[in-house]
Amino acid sequence: MRRGQTKGEEKLEKPVMTRIKKEKYEELCRIAVRSKGITVSGLIRRIIHNQPVKVFIQDDSLNMLMEELAANRSEIRAIGVNINQITRYFNTYPEPQRKQFYAKMAFHHYQALAPKIDRLMALIEKGAKKWLSE
């Protein structure tokens, strides 16, 4: 691509020179950095041409919450897989003793789900307060 030409646009022929205060330049730099892949010059061109500028904001306070939600989801999924496997064994064997054994195993795993689901609901409530307040 030639100098002075941006992708999908016609050639930019006329340079415009101006001076701005240091504070305004730093503000433009901060916006350009948060706009992912745009230079200060490109940002100024977008502003002049009334084009949208996408600024990406990442809230680091939600990172831990999302990690904990993902971990909790994995644990609940693993317990569900275990219950499904036990149910398959329960339905495979016709003997009452084996059915009783597998039923007790499944019930034990089912009881392990209650605190995980309670924690999951607490995390969702905490996230909802944060997400819906904005």
N, C-alpha and C. Protein backbone atom coordinates (compact mmCIF):
# COMPACT_ATOMS: atom_id res chain seq x y z
N MET A 1 0.84 -1.17 0.00
CA MET A 1 0.00 0.00 0.00
C MET A 1 0.90 1.24 0.00
N ARG A 2 0.54 2.20 -0.80
CA ARG A 2 1.33 3.43 -0.91
C ARG A 2 1.19 4.28 0.33
N ARG A 3 2.19 5.11 0.53
CA ARG A 3 2.15 6.06 1.63
C ARG A 3 1.01 7.05 1.38
N GLY A 4 0.25 7.34 2.44
CA GLY A 4 -0.84 8.30 2.32
C GLY A 4 -2.13 7.67 1.86
N GLN A 5 -2.16 6.34 1.76
CA GLN A 5 -3.38 5.66 1.33
C GLN A 5 -3.73 4.62 2.37
N THR A 6 -4.97 4.58 2.75
CA THR A 6 -5.42 3.58 3.69
C THR A 6 -6.28 2.57 2.95
N LYS A 7 -6.38 1.40 3.52
CA LYS A 7 -7.10 0.30 2.89
C LYS A 7 -8.56 0.69 2.63
N GLY A 8 -9.00 0.52 1.41
CA GLY A 8 -10.39 0.78 1.06
C GLY A 8 -10.73 2.24 0.85
N GLU A 9 -9.76 3.11 0.90
CA GLU A 9 -10.04 4.54 0.70
C GLU A 9 -9.24 5.04 -0.50
N GLU A 10 -9.68 6.15 -1.01
CA GLU A 10 -8.91 6.75 -2.10
C GLU A 10 -7.68 7.43 -1.51
N LYS A 11 -6.78 7.80 -2.37
CA LYS A 11 -5.50 8.37 -1.95
C LYS A 11 -5.72 9.66 -1.15
N LEU A 12 -5.01 9.75 -0.05
CA LEU A 12 -5.06 10.95 0.78
C LEU A 12 -3.92 11.86 0.33
N GLU A 13 -4.27 12.97 -0.29
CA GLU A 13 -3.27 13.81 -0.94
C GLU A 13 -2.82 15.00 -0.11
N LYS A 14 -3.68 15.60 0.65
CA LYS A 14 -3.37 16.86 1.30
C LYS A 14 -3.06 16.64 2.79
N PRO A 15 -1.82 16.94 3.20
CA PRO A 15 -1.50 16.85 4.62
C PRO A 15 -2.06 18.04 5.37
N VAL A 16 -2.48 17.81 6.59
CA VAL A 16 -2.98 18.88 7.45
C VAL A 16 -2.10 18.91 8.68
N MET A 17 -1.49 20.05 8.95
CA MET A 17 -0.60 20.19 10.09
C MET A 17 -1.29 21.07 11.14
N THR A 18 -1.19 20.68 12.38
CA THR A 18 -1.76 21.48 13.46
C THR A 18 -0.99 21.20 14.74
N ARG A 19 -1.19 22.02 15.71
CA ARG A 19 -0.57 21.81 17.01
C ARG A 19 -1.69 21.71 18.04
N ILE A 20 -1.47 20.83 19.00
CA ILE A 20 -2.44 20.68 20.08
C ILE A 20 -1.68 20.66 21.40
N LYS A 21 -2.40 20.83 22.48
CA LYS A 21 -1.78 20.82 23.80
C LYS A 21 -1.37 19.40 24.16
N LYS A 22 -0.39 19.32 25.05
CA LYS A 22 0.15 18.03 25.48
C LYS A 22 -0.95 17.14 26.08
N GLU A 23 -1.84 17.71 26.87
CA GLU A 23 -2.90 16.93 27.51
C GLU A 23 -3.83 16.30 26.47
N LYS A 24 -4.17 17.08 25.43
CA LYS A 24 -5.06 16.57 24.38
C LYS A 24 -4.37 15.47 23.58
N TYR A 25 -3.07 15.65 23.32
CA TYR A 25 -2.31 14.63 22.59
C TYR A 25 -2.25 13.33 23.40
N GLU A 26 -2.03 13.44 24.71
CA GLU A 26 -1.99 12.24 25.57
C GLU A 26 -3.35 11.55 25.61
N GLU A 27 -4.42 12.35 25.61
CA GLU A 27 -5.77 11.78 25.57
C GLU A 27 -5.98 11.01 24.27
N LEU A 28 -5.57 11.59 23.14
CA LEU A 28 -5.69 10.91 21.85
C LEU A 28 -4.85 9.63 21.84
N CYS A 29 -3.67 9.67 22.44
CA CYS A 29 -2.82 8.47 22.51
C CYS A 29 -3.50 7.37 23.31
N ARG A 30 -4.12 7.74 24.44
CA ARG A 30 -4.82 6.74 25.27
C ARG A 30 -5.98 6.12 24.49
N ILE A 31 -6.72 6.95 23.77
CA ILE A 31 -7.85 6.44 22.97
C ILE A 31 -7.33 5.53 21.86
N ALA A 32 -6.24 5.91 21.20
CA ALA A 32 -5.68 5.11 20.11
C ALA A 32 -5.21 3.75 20.61
N VAL A 33 -4.59 3.72 21.78
CA VAL A 33 -4.11 2.45 22.34
C VAL A 33 -5.28 1.53 22.65
N ARG A 34 -6.36 2.09 23.18
CA ARG A 34 -7.53 1.28 23.53
C ARG A 34 -8.38 0.93 22.31
N SER A 35 -8.06 1.51 21.15
CA SER A 35 -8.83 1.23 19.94
C SER A 35 -8.25 0.06 19.14
N LYS A 36 -7.23 -0.58 19.62
CA LYS A 36 -6.64 -1.79 19.03
C LYS A 36 -6.29 -1.63 17.56
N GLY A 37 -5.04 -1.32 17.31
CA GLY A 37 -4.53 -1.32 15.95
C GLY A 37 -4.72 -0.02 15.20
N ILE A 38 -5.04 1.04 15.88
CA ILE A 38 -5.22 2.32 15.20
C ILE A 38 -4.15 3.28 15.72
N THR A 39 -3.61 4.08 14.82
CA THR A 39 -2.60 5.06 15.20
C THR A 39 -3.28 6.37 15.59
N VAL A 40 -2.52 7.26 16.16
CA VAL A 40 -3.07 8.57 16.50
C VAL A 40 -3.52 9.29 15.23
N SER A 41 -2.72 9.18 14.17
CA SER A 41 -3.10 9.80 12.88
C SER A 41 -4.40 9.20 12.36
N GLY A 42 -4.50 7.90 12.42
CA GLY A 42 -5.72 7.24 11.96
C GLY A 42 -6.92 7.64 12.80
N LEU A 43 -6.70 7.78 14.11
CA LEU A 43 -7.78 8.22 15.00
C LEU A 43 -8.25 9.62 14.63
N ILE A 44 -7.32 10.51 14.40
CA ILE A 44 -7.68 11.88 14.03
C ILE A 44 -8.42 11.90 12.69
N ARG A 45 -7.96 11.09 11.72
CA ARG A 45 -8.68 11.01 10.42
C ARG A 45 -10.10 10.52 10.64
N ARG A 46 -10.28 9.51 11.47
CA ARG A 46 -11.63 9.00 11.73
C ARG A 46 -12.51 10.08 12.36
N ILE A 47 -11.94 10.84 13.29
CA ILE A 47 -12.71 11.91 13.93
C ILE A 47 -13.09 12.98 12.91
N ILE A 48 -12.15 13.37 12.07
CA ILE A 48 -12.41 14.41 11.06
C ILE A 48 -13.49 13.96 10.08
N HIS A 49 -13.47 12.67 9.69
CA HIS A 49 -14.43 12.14 8.71
C HIS A 49 -15.71 11.62 9.36
N ASN A 50 -15.89 11.88 10.64
CA ASN A 50 -17.09 11.44 11.38
C ASN A 50 -17.31 9.93 11.29
N GLN A 51 -16.22 9.18 11.31
CA GLN A 51 -16.31 7.73 11.30
C GLN A 51 -16.31 7.22 12.74
N PRO A 52 -16.92 6.07 12.98
CA PRO A 52 -16.94 5.56 14.35
C PRO A 52 -15.55 5.10 14.81
N VAL A 53 -15.29 5.31 16.08
CA VAL A 53 -14.05 4.86 16.71
C VAL A 53 -14.44 3.86 17.78
N LYS A 54 -13.97 2.63 17.65
CA LYS A 54 -14.29 1.60 18.63
C LYS A 54 -13.21 1.59 19.71
N VAL A 55 -13.65 1.79 20.93
CA VAL A 55 -12.74 1.76 22.07
C VAL A 55 -13.08 0.53 22.89
N PHE A 56 -12.09 -0.33 23.11
CA PHE A 56 -12.29 -1.56 23.85
C PHE A 56 -11.89 -1.36 25.30
N ILE A 57 -12.80 -1.71 26.20
CA ILE A 57 -12.55 -1.56 27.63
C ILE A 57 -12.60 -2.94 28.26
N GLN A 58 -11.58 -3.26 29.03
CA GLN A 58 -11.55 -4.54 29.72
C GLN A 58 -11.61 -4.28 31.22
N ASP A 59 -12.60 -4.87 31.86
CA ASP A 59 -12.77 -4.72 33.30
C ASP A 59 -12.06 -5.88 33.99
N ASP A 60 -10.90 -5.60 34.55
CA ASP A 60 -10.10 -6.66 35.18
C ASP A 60 -10.75 -7.21 36.44
N SER A 61 -11.69 -6.49 37.02
CA SER A 61 -12.33 -6.97 38.24
C SER A 61 -13.19 -8.20 37.97
N LEU A 62 -13.58 -8.40 36.73
CA LEU A 62 -14.42 -9.56 36.39
C LEU A 62 -13.60 -10.80 36.02
N ASN A 63 -12.29 -10.66 35.86
CA ASN A 63 -11.46 -11.79 35.46
C ASN A 63 -11.55 -12.94 36.46
N MET A 64 -11.39 -12.64 37.73
CA MET A 64 -11.44 -13.68 38.75
C MET A 64 -12.82 -14.33 38.82
N LEU A 65 -13.86 -13.50 38.69
CA LEU A 65 -15.22 -14.03 38.71
C LEU A 65 -15.44 -14.99 37.54
N MET A 66 -14.98 -14.61 36.36
CA MET A 66 -15.15 -15.47 35.19
C MET A 66 -14.35 -16.78 35.33
N GLU A 67 -13.16 -16.69 35.89
CA GLU A 67 -12.36 -17.90 36.10
C GLU A 67 -13.05 -18.84 37.07
N GLU A 68 -13.60 -18.27 38.15
CA GLU A 68 -14.29 -19.11 39.13
C GLU A 68 -15.56 -19.72 38.53
N LEU A 69 -16.27 -18.96 37.72
CA LEU A 69 -17.46 -19.50 37.04
C LEU A 69 -17.08 -20.66 36.13
N ALA A 70 -16.00 -20.50 35.39
CA ALA A 70 -15.56 -21.56 34.48
C ALA A 70 -15.14 -22.80 35.25
N ALA A 71 -14.43 -22.62 36.37
CA ALA A 71 -14.00 -23.77 37.17
C ALA A 71 -15.20 -24.49 37.77
N ASN A 72 -16.16 -23.71 38.26
CA ASN A 72 -17.36 -24.30 38.84
C ASN A 72 -18.15 -25.05 37.78
N ARG A 73 -18.23 -24.51 36.60
CA ARG A 73 -18.93 -25.18 35.49
C ARG A 73 -18.28 -26.51 35.18
N SER A 74 -16.95 -26.54 35.16
CA SER A 74 -16.23 -27.78 34.87
C SER A 74 -16.48 -28.84 35.92
N GLU A 75 -16.50 -28.42 37.18
CA GLU A 75 -16.75 -29.37 38.26
C GLU A 75 -18.17 -29.94 38.18
N ILE A 76 -19.15 -29.08 37.93
CA ILE A 76 -20.54 -29.55 37.81
C ILE A 76 -20.68 -30.49 36.61
N ARG A 77 -20.03 -30.15 35.53
CA ARG A 77 -20.08 -31.01 34.34
C ARG A 77 -19.47 -32.38 34.65
N ALA A 78 -18.34 -32.42 35.35
CA ALA A 78 -17.69 -33.69 35.68
C ALA A 78 -18.60 -34.55 36.57
N ILE A 79 -19.25 -33.92 37.53
CA ILE A 79 -20.18 -34.66 38.39
C ILE A 79 -21.33 -35.20 37.57
N GLY A 80 -21.85 -34.40 36.64
CA GLY A 80 -22.93 -34.87 35.77
C GLY A 80 -22.51 -36.05 34.92
N VAL A 81 -21.28 -36.03 34.40
CA VAL A 81 -20.77 -37.16 33.62
C VAL A 81 -20.70 -38.41 34.49
N ASN A 82 -20.21 -38.24 35.72
CA ASN A 82 -20.14 -39.38 36.64
C ASN A 82 -21.52 -39.96 36.91
N ILE A 83 -22.51 -39.10 37.15
CA ILE A 83 -23.88 -39.58 37.41
C ILE A 83 -24.41 -40.32 36.19
N ASN A 84 -24.14 -39.82 34.99
CA ASN A 84 -24.60 -40.51 33.77
C ASN A 84 -23.96 -41.89 33.64
N GLN A 85 -22.68 -42.00 33.96
CA GLN A 85 -22.01 -43.31 33.88
C GLN A 85 -22.59 -44.28 34.91
N ILE A 86 -22.84 -43.79 36.12
CA ILE A 86 -23.42 -44.64 37.15
C ILE A 86 -24.82 -45.07 36.75
N THR A 87 -25.58 -44.19 36.15
CA THR A 87 -26.94 -44.52 35.70
C THR A 87 -26.89 -45.60 34.62
N ARG A 88 -25.90 -45.52 33.75
CA ARG A 88 -25.75 -46.56 32.73
C ARG A 88 -25.50 -47.92 33.37
N TYR A 89 -24.60 -47.96 34.37
CA TYR A 89 -24.34 -49.21 35.08
C TYR A 89 -25.58 -49.69 35.83
N PHE A 90 -26.31 -48.76 36.42
CA PHE A 90 -27.54 -49.09 37.14
C PHE A 90 -28.51 -49.81 36.21
N ASN A 91 -28.64 -49.29 34.99
CA ASN A 91 -29.58 -49.89 34.03
C ASN A 91 -29.04 -51.15 33.35
N THR A 92 -27.73 -51.39 33.47
CA THR A 92 -27.12 -52.56 32.83
C THR A 92 -27.37 -53.83 33.63
N TYR A 93 -27.28 -53.73 34.95
CA TYR A 93 -27.36 -54.92 35.81
C TYR A 93 -28.75 -55.07 36.42
N PRO A 94 -29.34 -56.27 36.29
CA PRO A 94 -30.70 -56.48 36.82
C PRO A 94 -30.72 -56.83 38.32
N GLU A 95 -29.58 -57.21 38.91
CA GLU A 95 -29.58 -57.65 40.32
C GLU A 95 -29.92 -56.48 41.24
N PRO A 96 -30.79 -56.71 42.22
CA PRO A 96 -31.19 -55.62 43.14
C PRO A 96 -30.03 -55.07 43.97
N GLN A 97 -29.07 -55.94 44.35
CA GLN A 97 -27.94 -55.45 45.16
C GLN A 97 -27.08 -54.46 44.36
N ARG A 98 -26.83 -54.80 43.11
CA ARG A 98 -26.04 -53.89 42.27
C ARG A 98 -26.78 -52.59 42.01
N LYS A 99 -28.08 -52.69 41.74
CA LYS A 99 -28.87 -51.49 41.52
C LYS A 99 -28.83 -50.59 42.76
N GLN A 100 -28.94 -51.22 43.93
CA GLN A 100 -28.88 -50.44 45.16
C GLN A 100 -27.51 -49.78 45.32
N PHE A 101 -26.45 -50.51 45.01
CA PHE A 101 -25.09 -49.97 45.11
C PHE A 101 -24.93 -48.75 44.20
N TYR A 102 -25.34 -48.88 42.94
CA TYR A 102 -25.21 -47.79 41.99
C TYR A 102 -26.13 -46.62 42.33
N ALA A 103 -27.29 -46.92 42.89
CA ALA A 103 -28.20 -45.85 43.31
C ALA A 103 -27.56 -45.04 44.44
N LYS A 104 -26.90 -45.73 45.39
CA LYS A 104 -26.23 -45.01 46.48
C LYS A 104 -25.08 -44.17 45.95
N MET A 105 -24.34 -44.70 44.98
CA MET A 105 -23.24 -43.93 44.39
C MET A 105 -23.77 -42.67 43.69
N ALA A 106 -24.83 -42.85 42.92
CA ALA A 106 -25.39 -41.71 42.20
C ALA A 106 -25.92 -40.67 43.17
N PHE A 107 -26.55 -41.12 44.25
CA PHE A 107 -27.08 -40.19 45.24
C PHE A 107 -25.94 -39.42 45.92
N HIS A 108 -24.84 -40.09 46.18
CA HIS A 108 -23.68 -39.44 46.78
C HIS A 108 -23.15 -38.33 45.86
N HIS A 109 -23.05 -38.62 44.58
CA HIS A 109 -22.60 -37.61 43.62
C HIS A 109 -23.62 -36.48 43.49
N TYR A 110 -24.89 -36.84 43.54
CA TYR A 110 -25.94 -35.83 43.46
C TYR A 110 -25.87 -34.87 44.64
N GLN A 111 -25.59 -35.40 45.83
CA GLN A 111 -25.46 -34.55 47.01
C GLN A 111 -24.26 -33.60 46.88
N ALA A 112 -23.22 -34.02 46.18
CA ALA A 112 -22.05 -33.16 45.97
C ALA A 112 -22.38 -31.97 45.07
N LEU A 113 -23.46 -32.07 44.31
CA LEU A 113 -23.84 -30.97 43.41
C LEU A 113 -24.42 -29.77 44.15
N ALA A 114 -25.10 -30.00 45.26
CA ALA A 114 -25.81 -28.92 45.96
C ALA A 114 -24.90 -27.74 46.32
N PRO A 115 -23.75 -27.97 46.99
CA PRO A 115 -22.90 -26.80 47.30
C PRO A 115 -22.33 -26.13 46.05
N LYS A 116 -22.06 -26.92 45.02
CA LYS A 116 -21.52 -26.34 43.77
C LYS A 116 -22.56 -25.43 43.11
N ILE A 117 -23.80 -25.88 43.10
CA ILE A 117 -24.87 -25.08 42.48
C ILE A 117 -25.14 -23.83 43.32
N ASP A 118 -25.09 -23.97 44.66
CA ASP A 118 -25.26 -22.79 45.52
C ASP A 118 -24.17 -21.76 45.24
N ARG A 119 -22.93 -22.23 45.11
CA ARG A 119 -21.81 -21.33 44.82
C ARG A 119 -21.98 -20.69 43.45
N LEU A 120 -22.43 -21.48 42.49
CA LEU A 120 -22.66 -20.96 41.14
C LEU A 120 -23.71 -19.86 41.16
N MET A 121 -24.79 -20.07 41.89
CA MET A 121 -25.84 -19.06 41.97
C MET A 121 -25.33 -17.78 42.65
N ALA A 122 -24.49 -17.94 43.67
CA ALA A 122 -23.92 -16.77 44.34
C ALA A 122 -23.01 -15.99 43.38
N LEU A 123 -22.23 -16.71 42.57
CA LEU A 123 -21.36 -16.06 41.60
C LEU A 123 -22.16 -15.33 40.54
N ILE A 124 -23.23 -15.96 40.08
CA ILE A 124 -24.07 -15.33 39.06
C ILE A 124 -24.73 -14.08 39.62
N GLU A 125 -25.18 -14.14 40.87
CA GLU A 125 -25.79 -12.97 41.50
C GLU A 125 -24.78 -11.83 41.62
N LYS A 126 -23.56 -12.20 42.02
CA LYS A 126 -22.50 -11.19 42.15
C LYS A 126 -22.20 -10.56 40.79
N GLY A 127 -22.11 -11.39 39.75
CA GLY A 127 -21.86 -10.89 38.41
C GLY A 127 -23.01 -10.05 37.89
N ALA A 128 -24.22 -10.47 38.19
CA ALA A 128 -25.40 -9.73 37.70
C ALA A 128 -25.44 -8.33 38.29
N LYS A 129 -25.08 -8.21 39.57
CA LYS A 129 -25.05 -6.87 40.18
C LYS A 129 -24.05 -5.98 39.48
N LYS A 130 -22.90 -6.54 39.14
CA LYS A 130 -21.86 -5.77 38.47
C LYS A 130 -22.27 -5.44 37.03
N TRP A 131 -22.75 -6.45 36.29
CA TRP A 131 -23.08 -6.27 34.88
C TRP A 131 -24.29 -5.37 34.68
N LEU A 132 -25.31 -5.56 35.52
CA LEU A 132 -26.56 -4.83 35.31
C LEU A 132 -26.54 -3.43 35.90
N SER A 133 -25.55 -3.12 36.72
CA SER A 133 -25.49 -1.79 37.31
C SER A 133 -24.99 -0.75 36.31
N GLU A 134 -24.32 -1.20 35.27
CA GLU A 134 -23.72 -0.27 34.30
C GLU A 134 -24.66 0.02 33.21
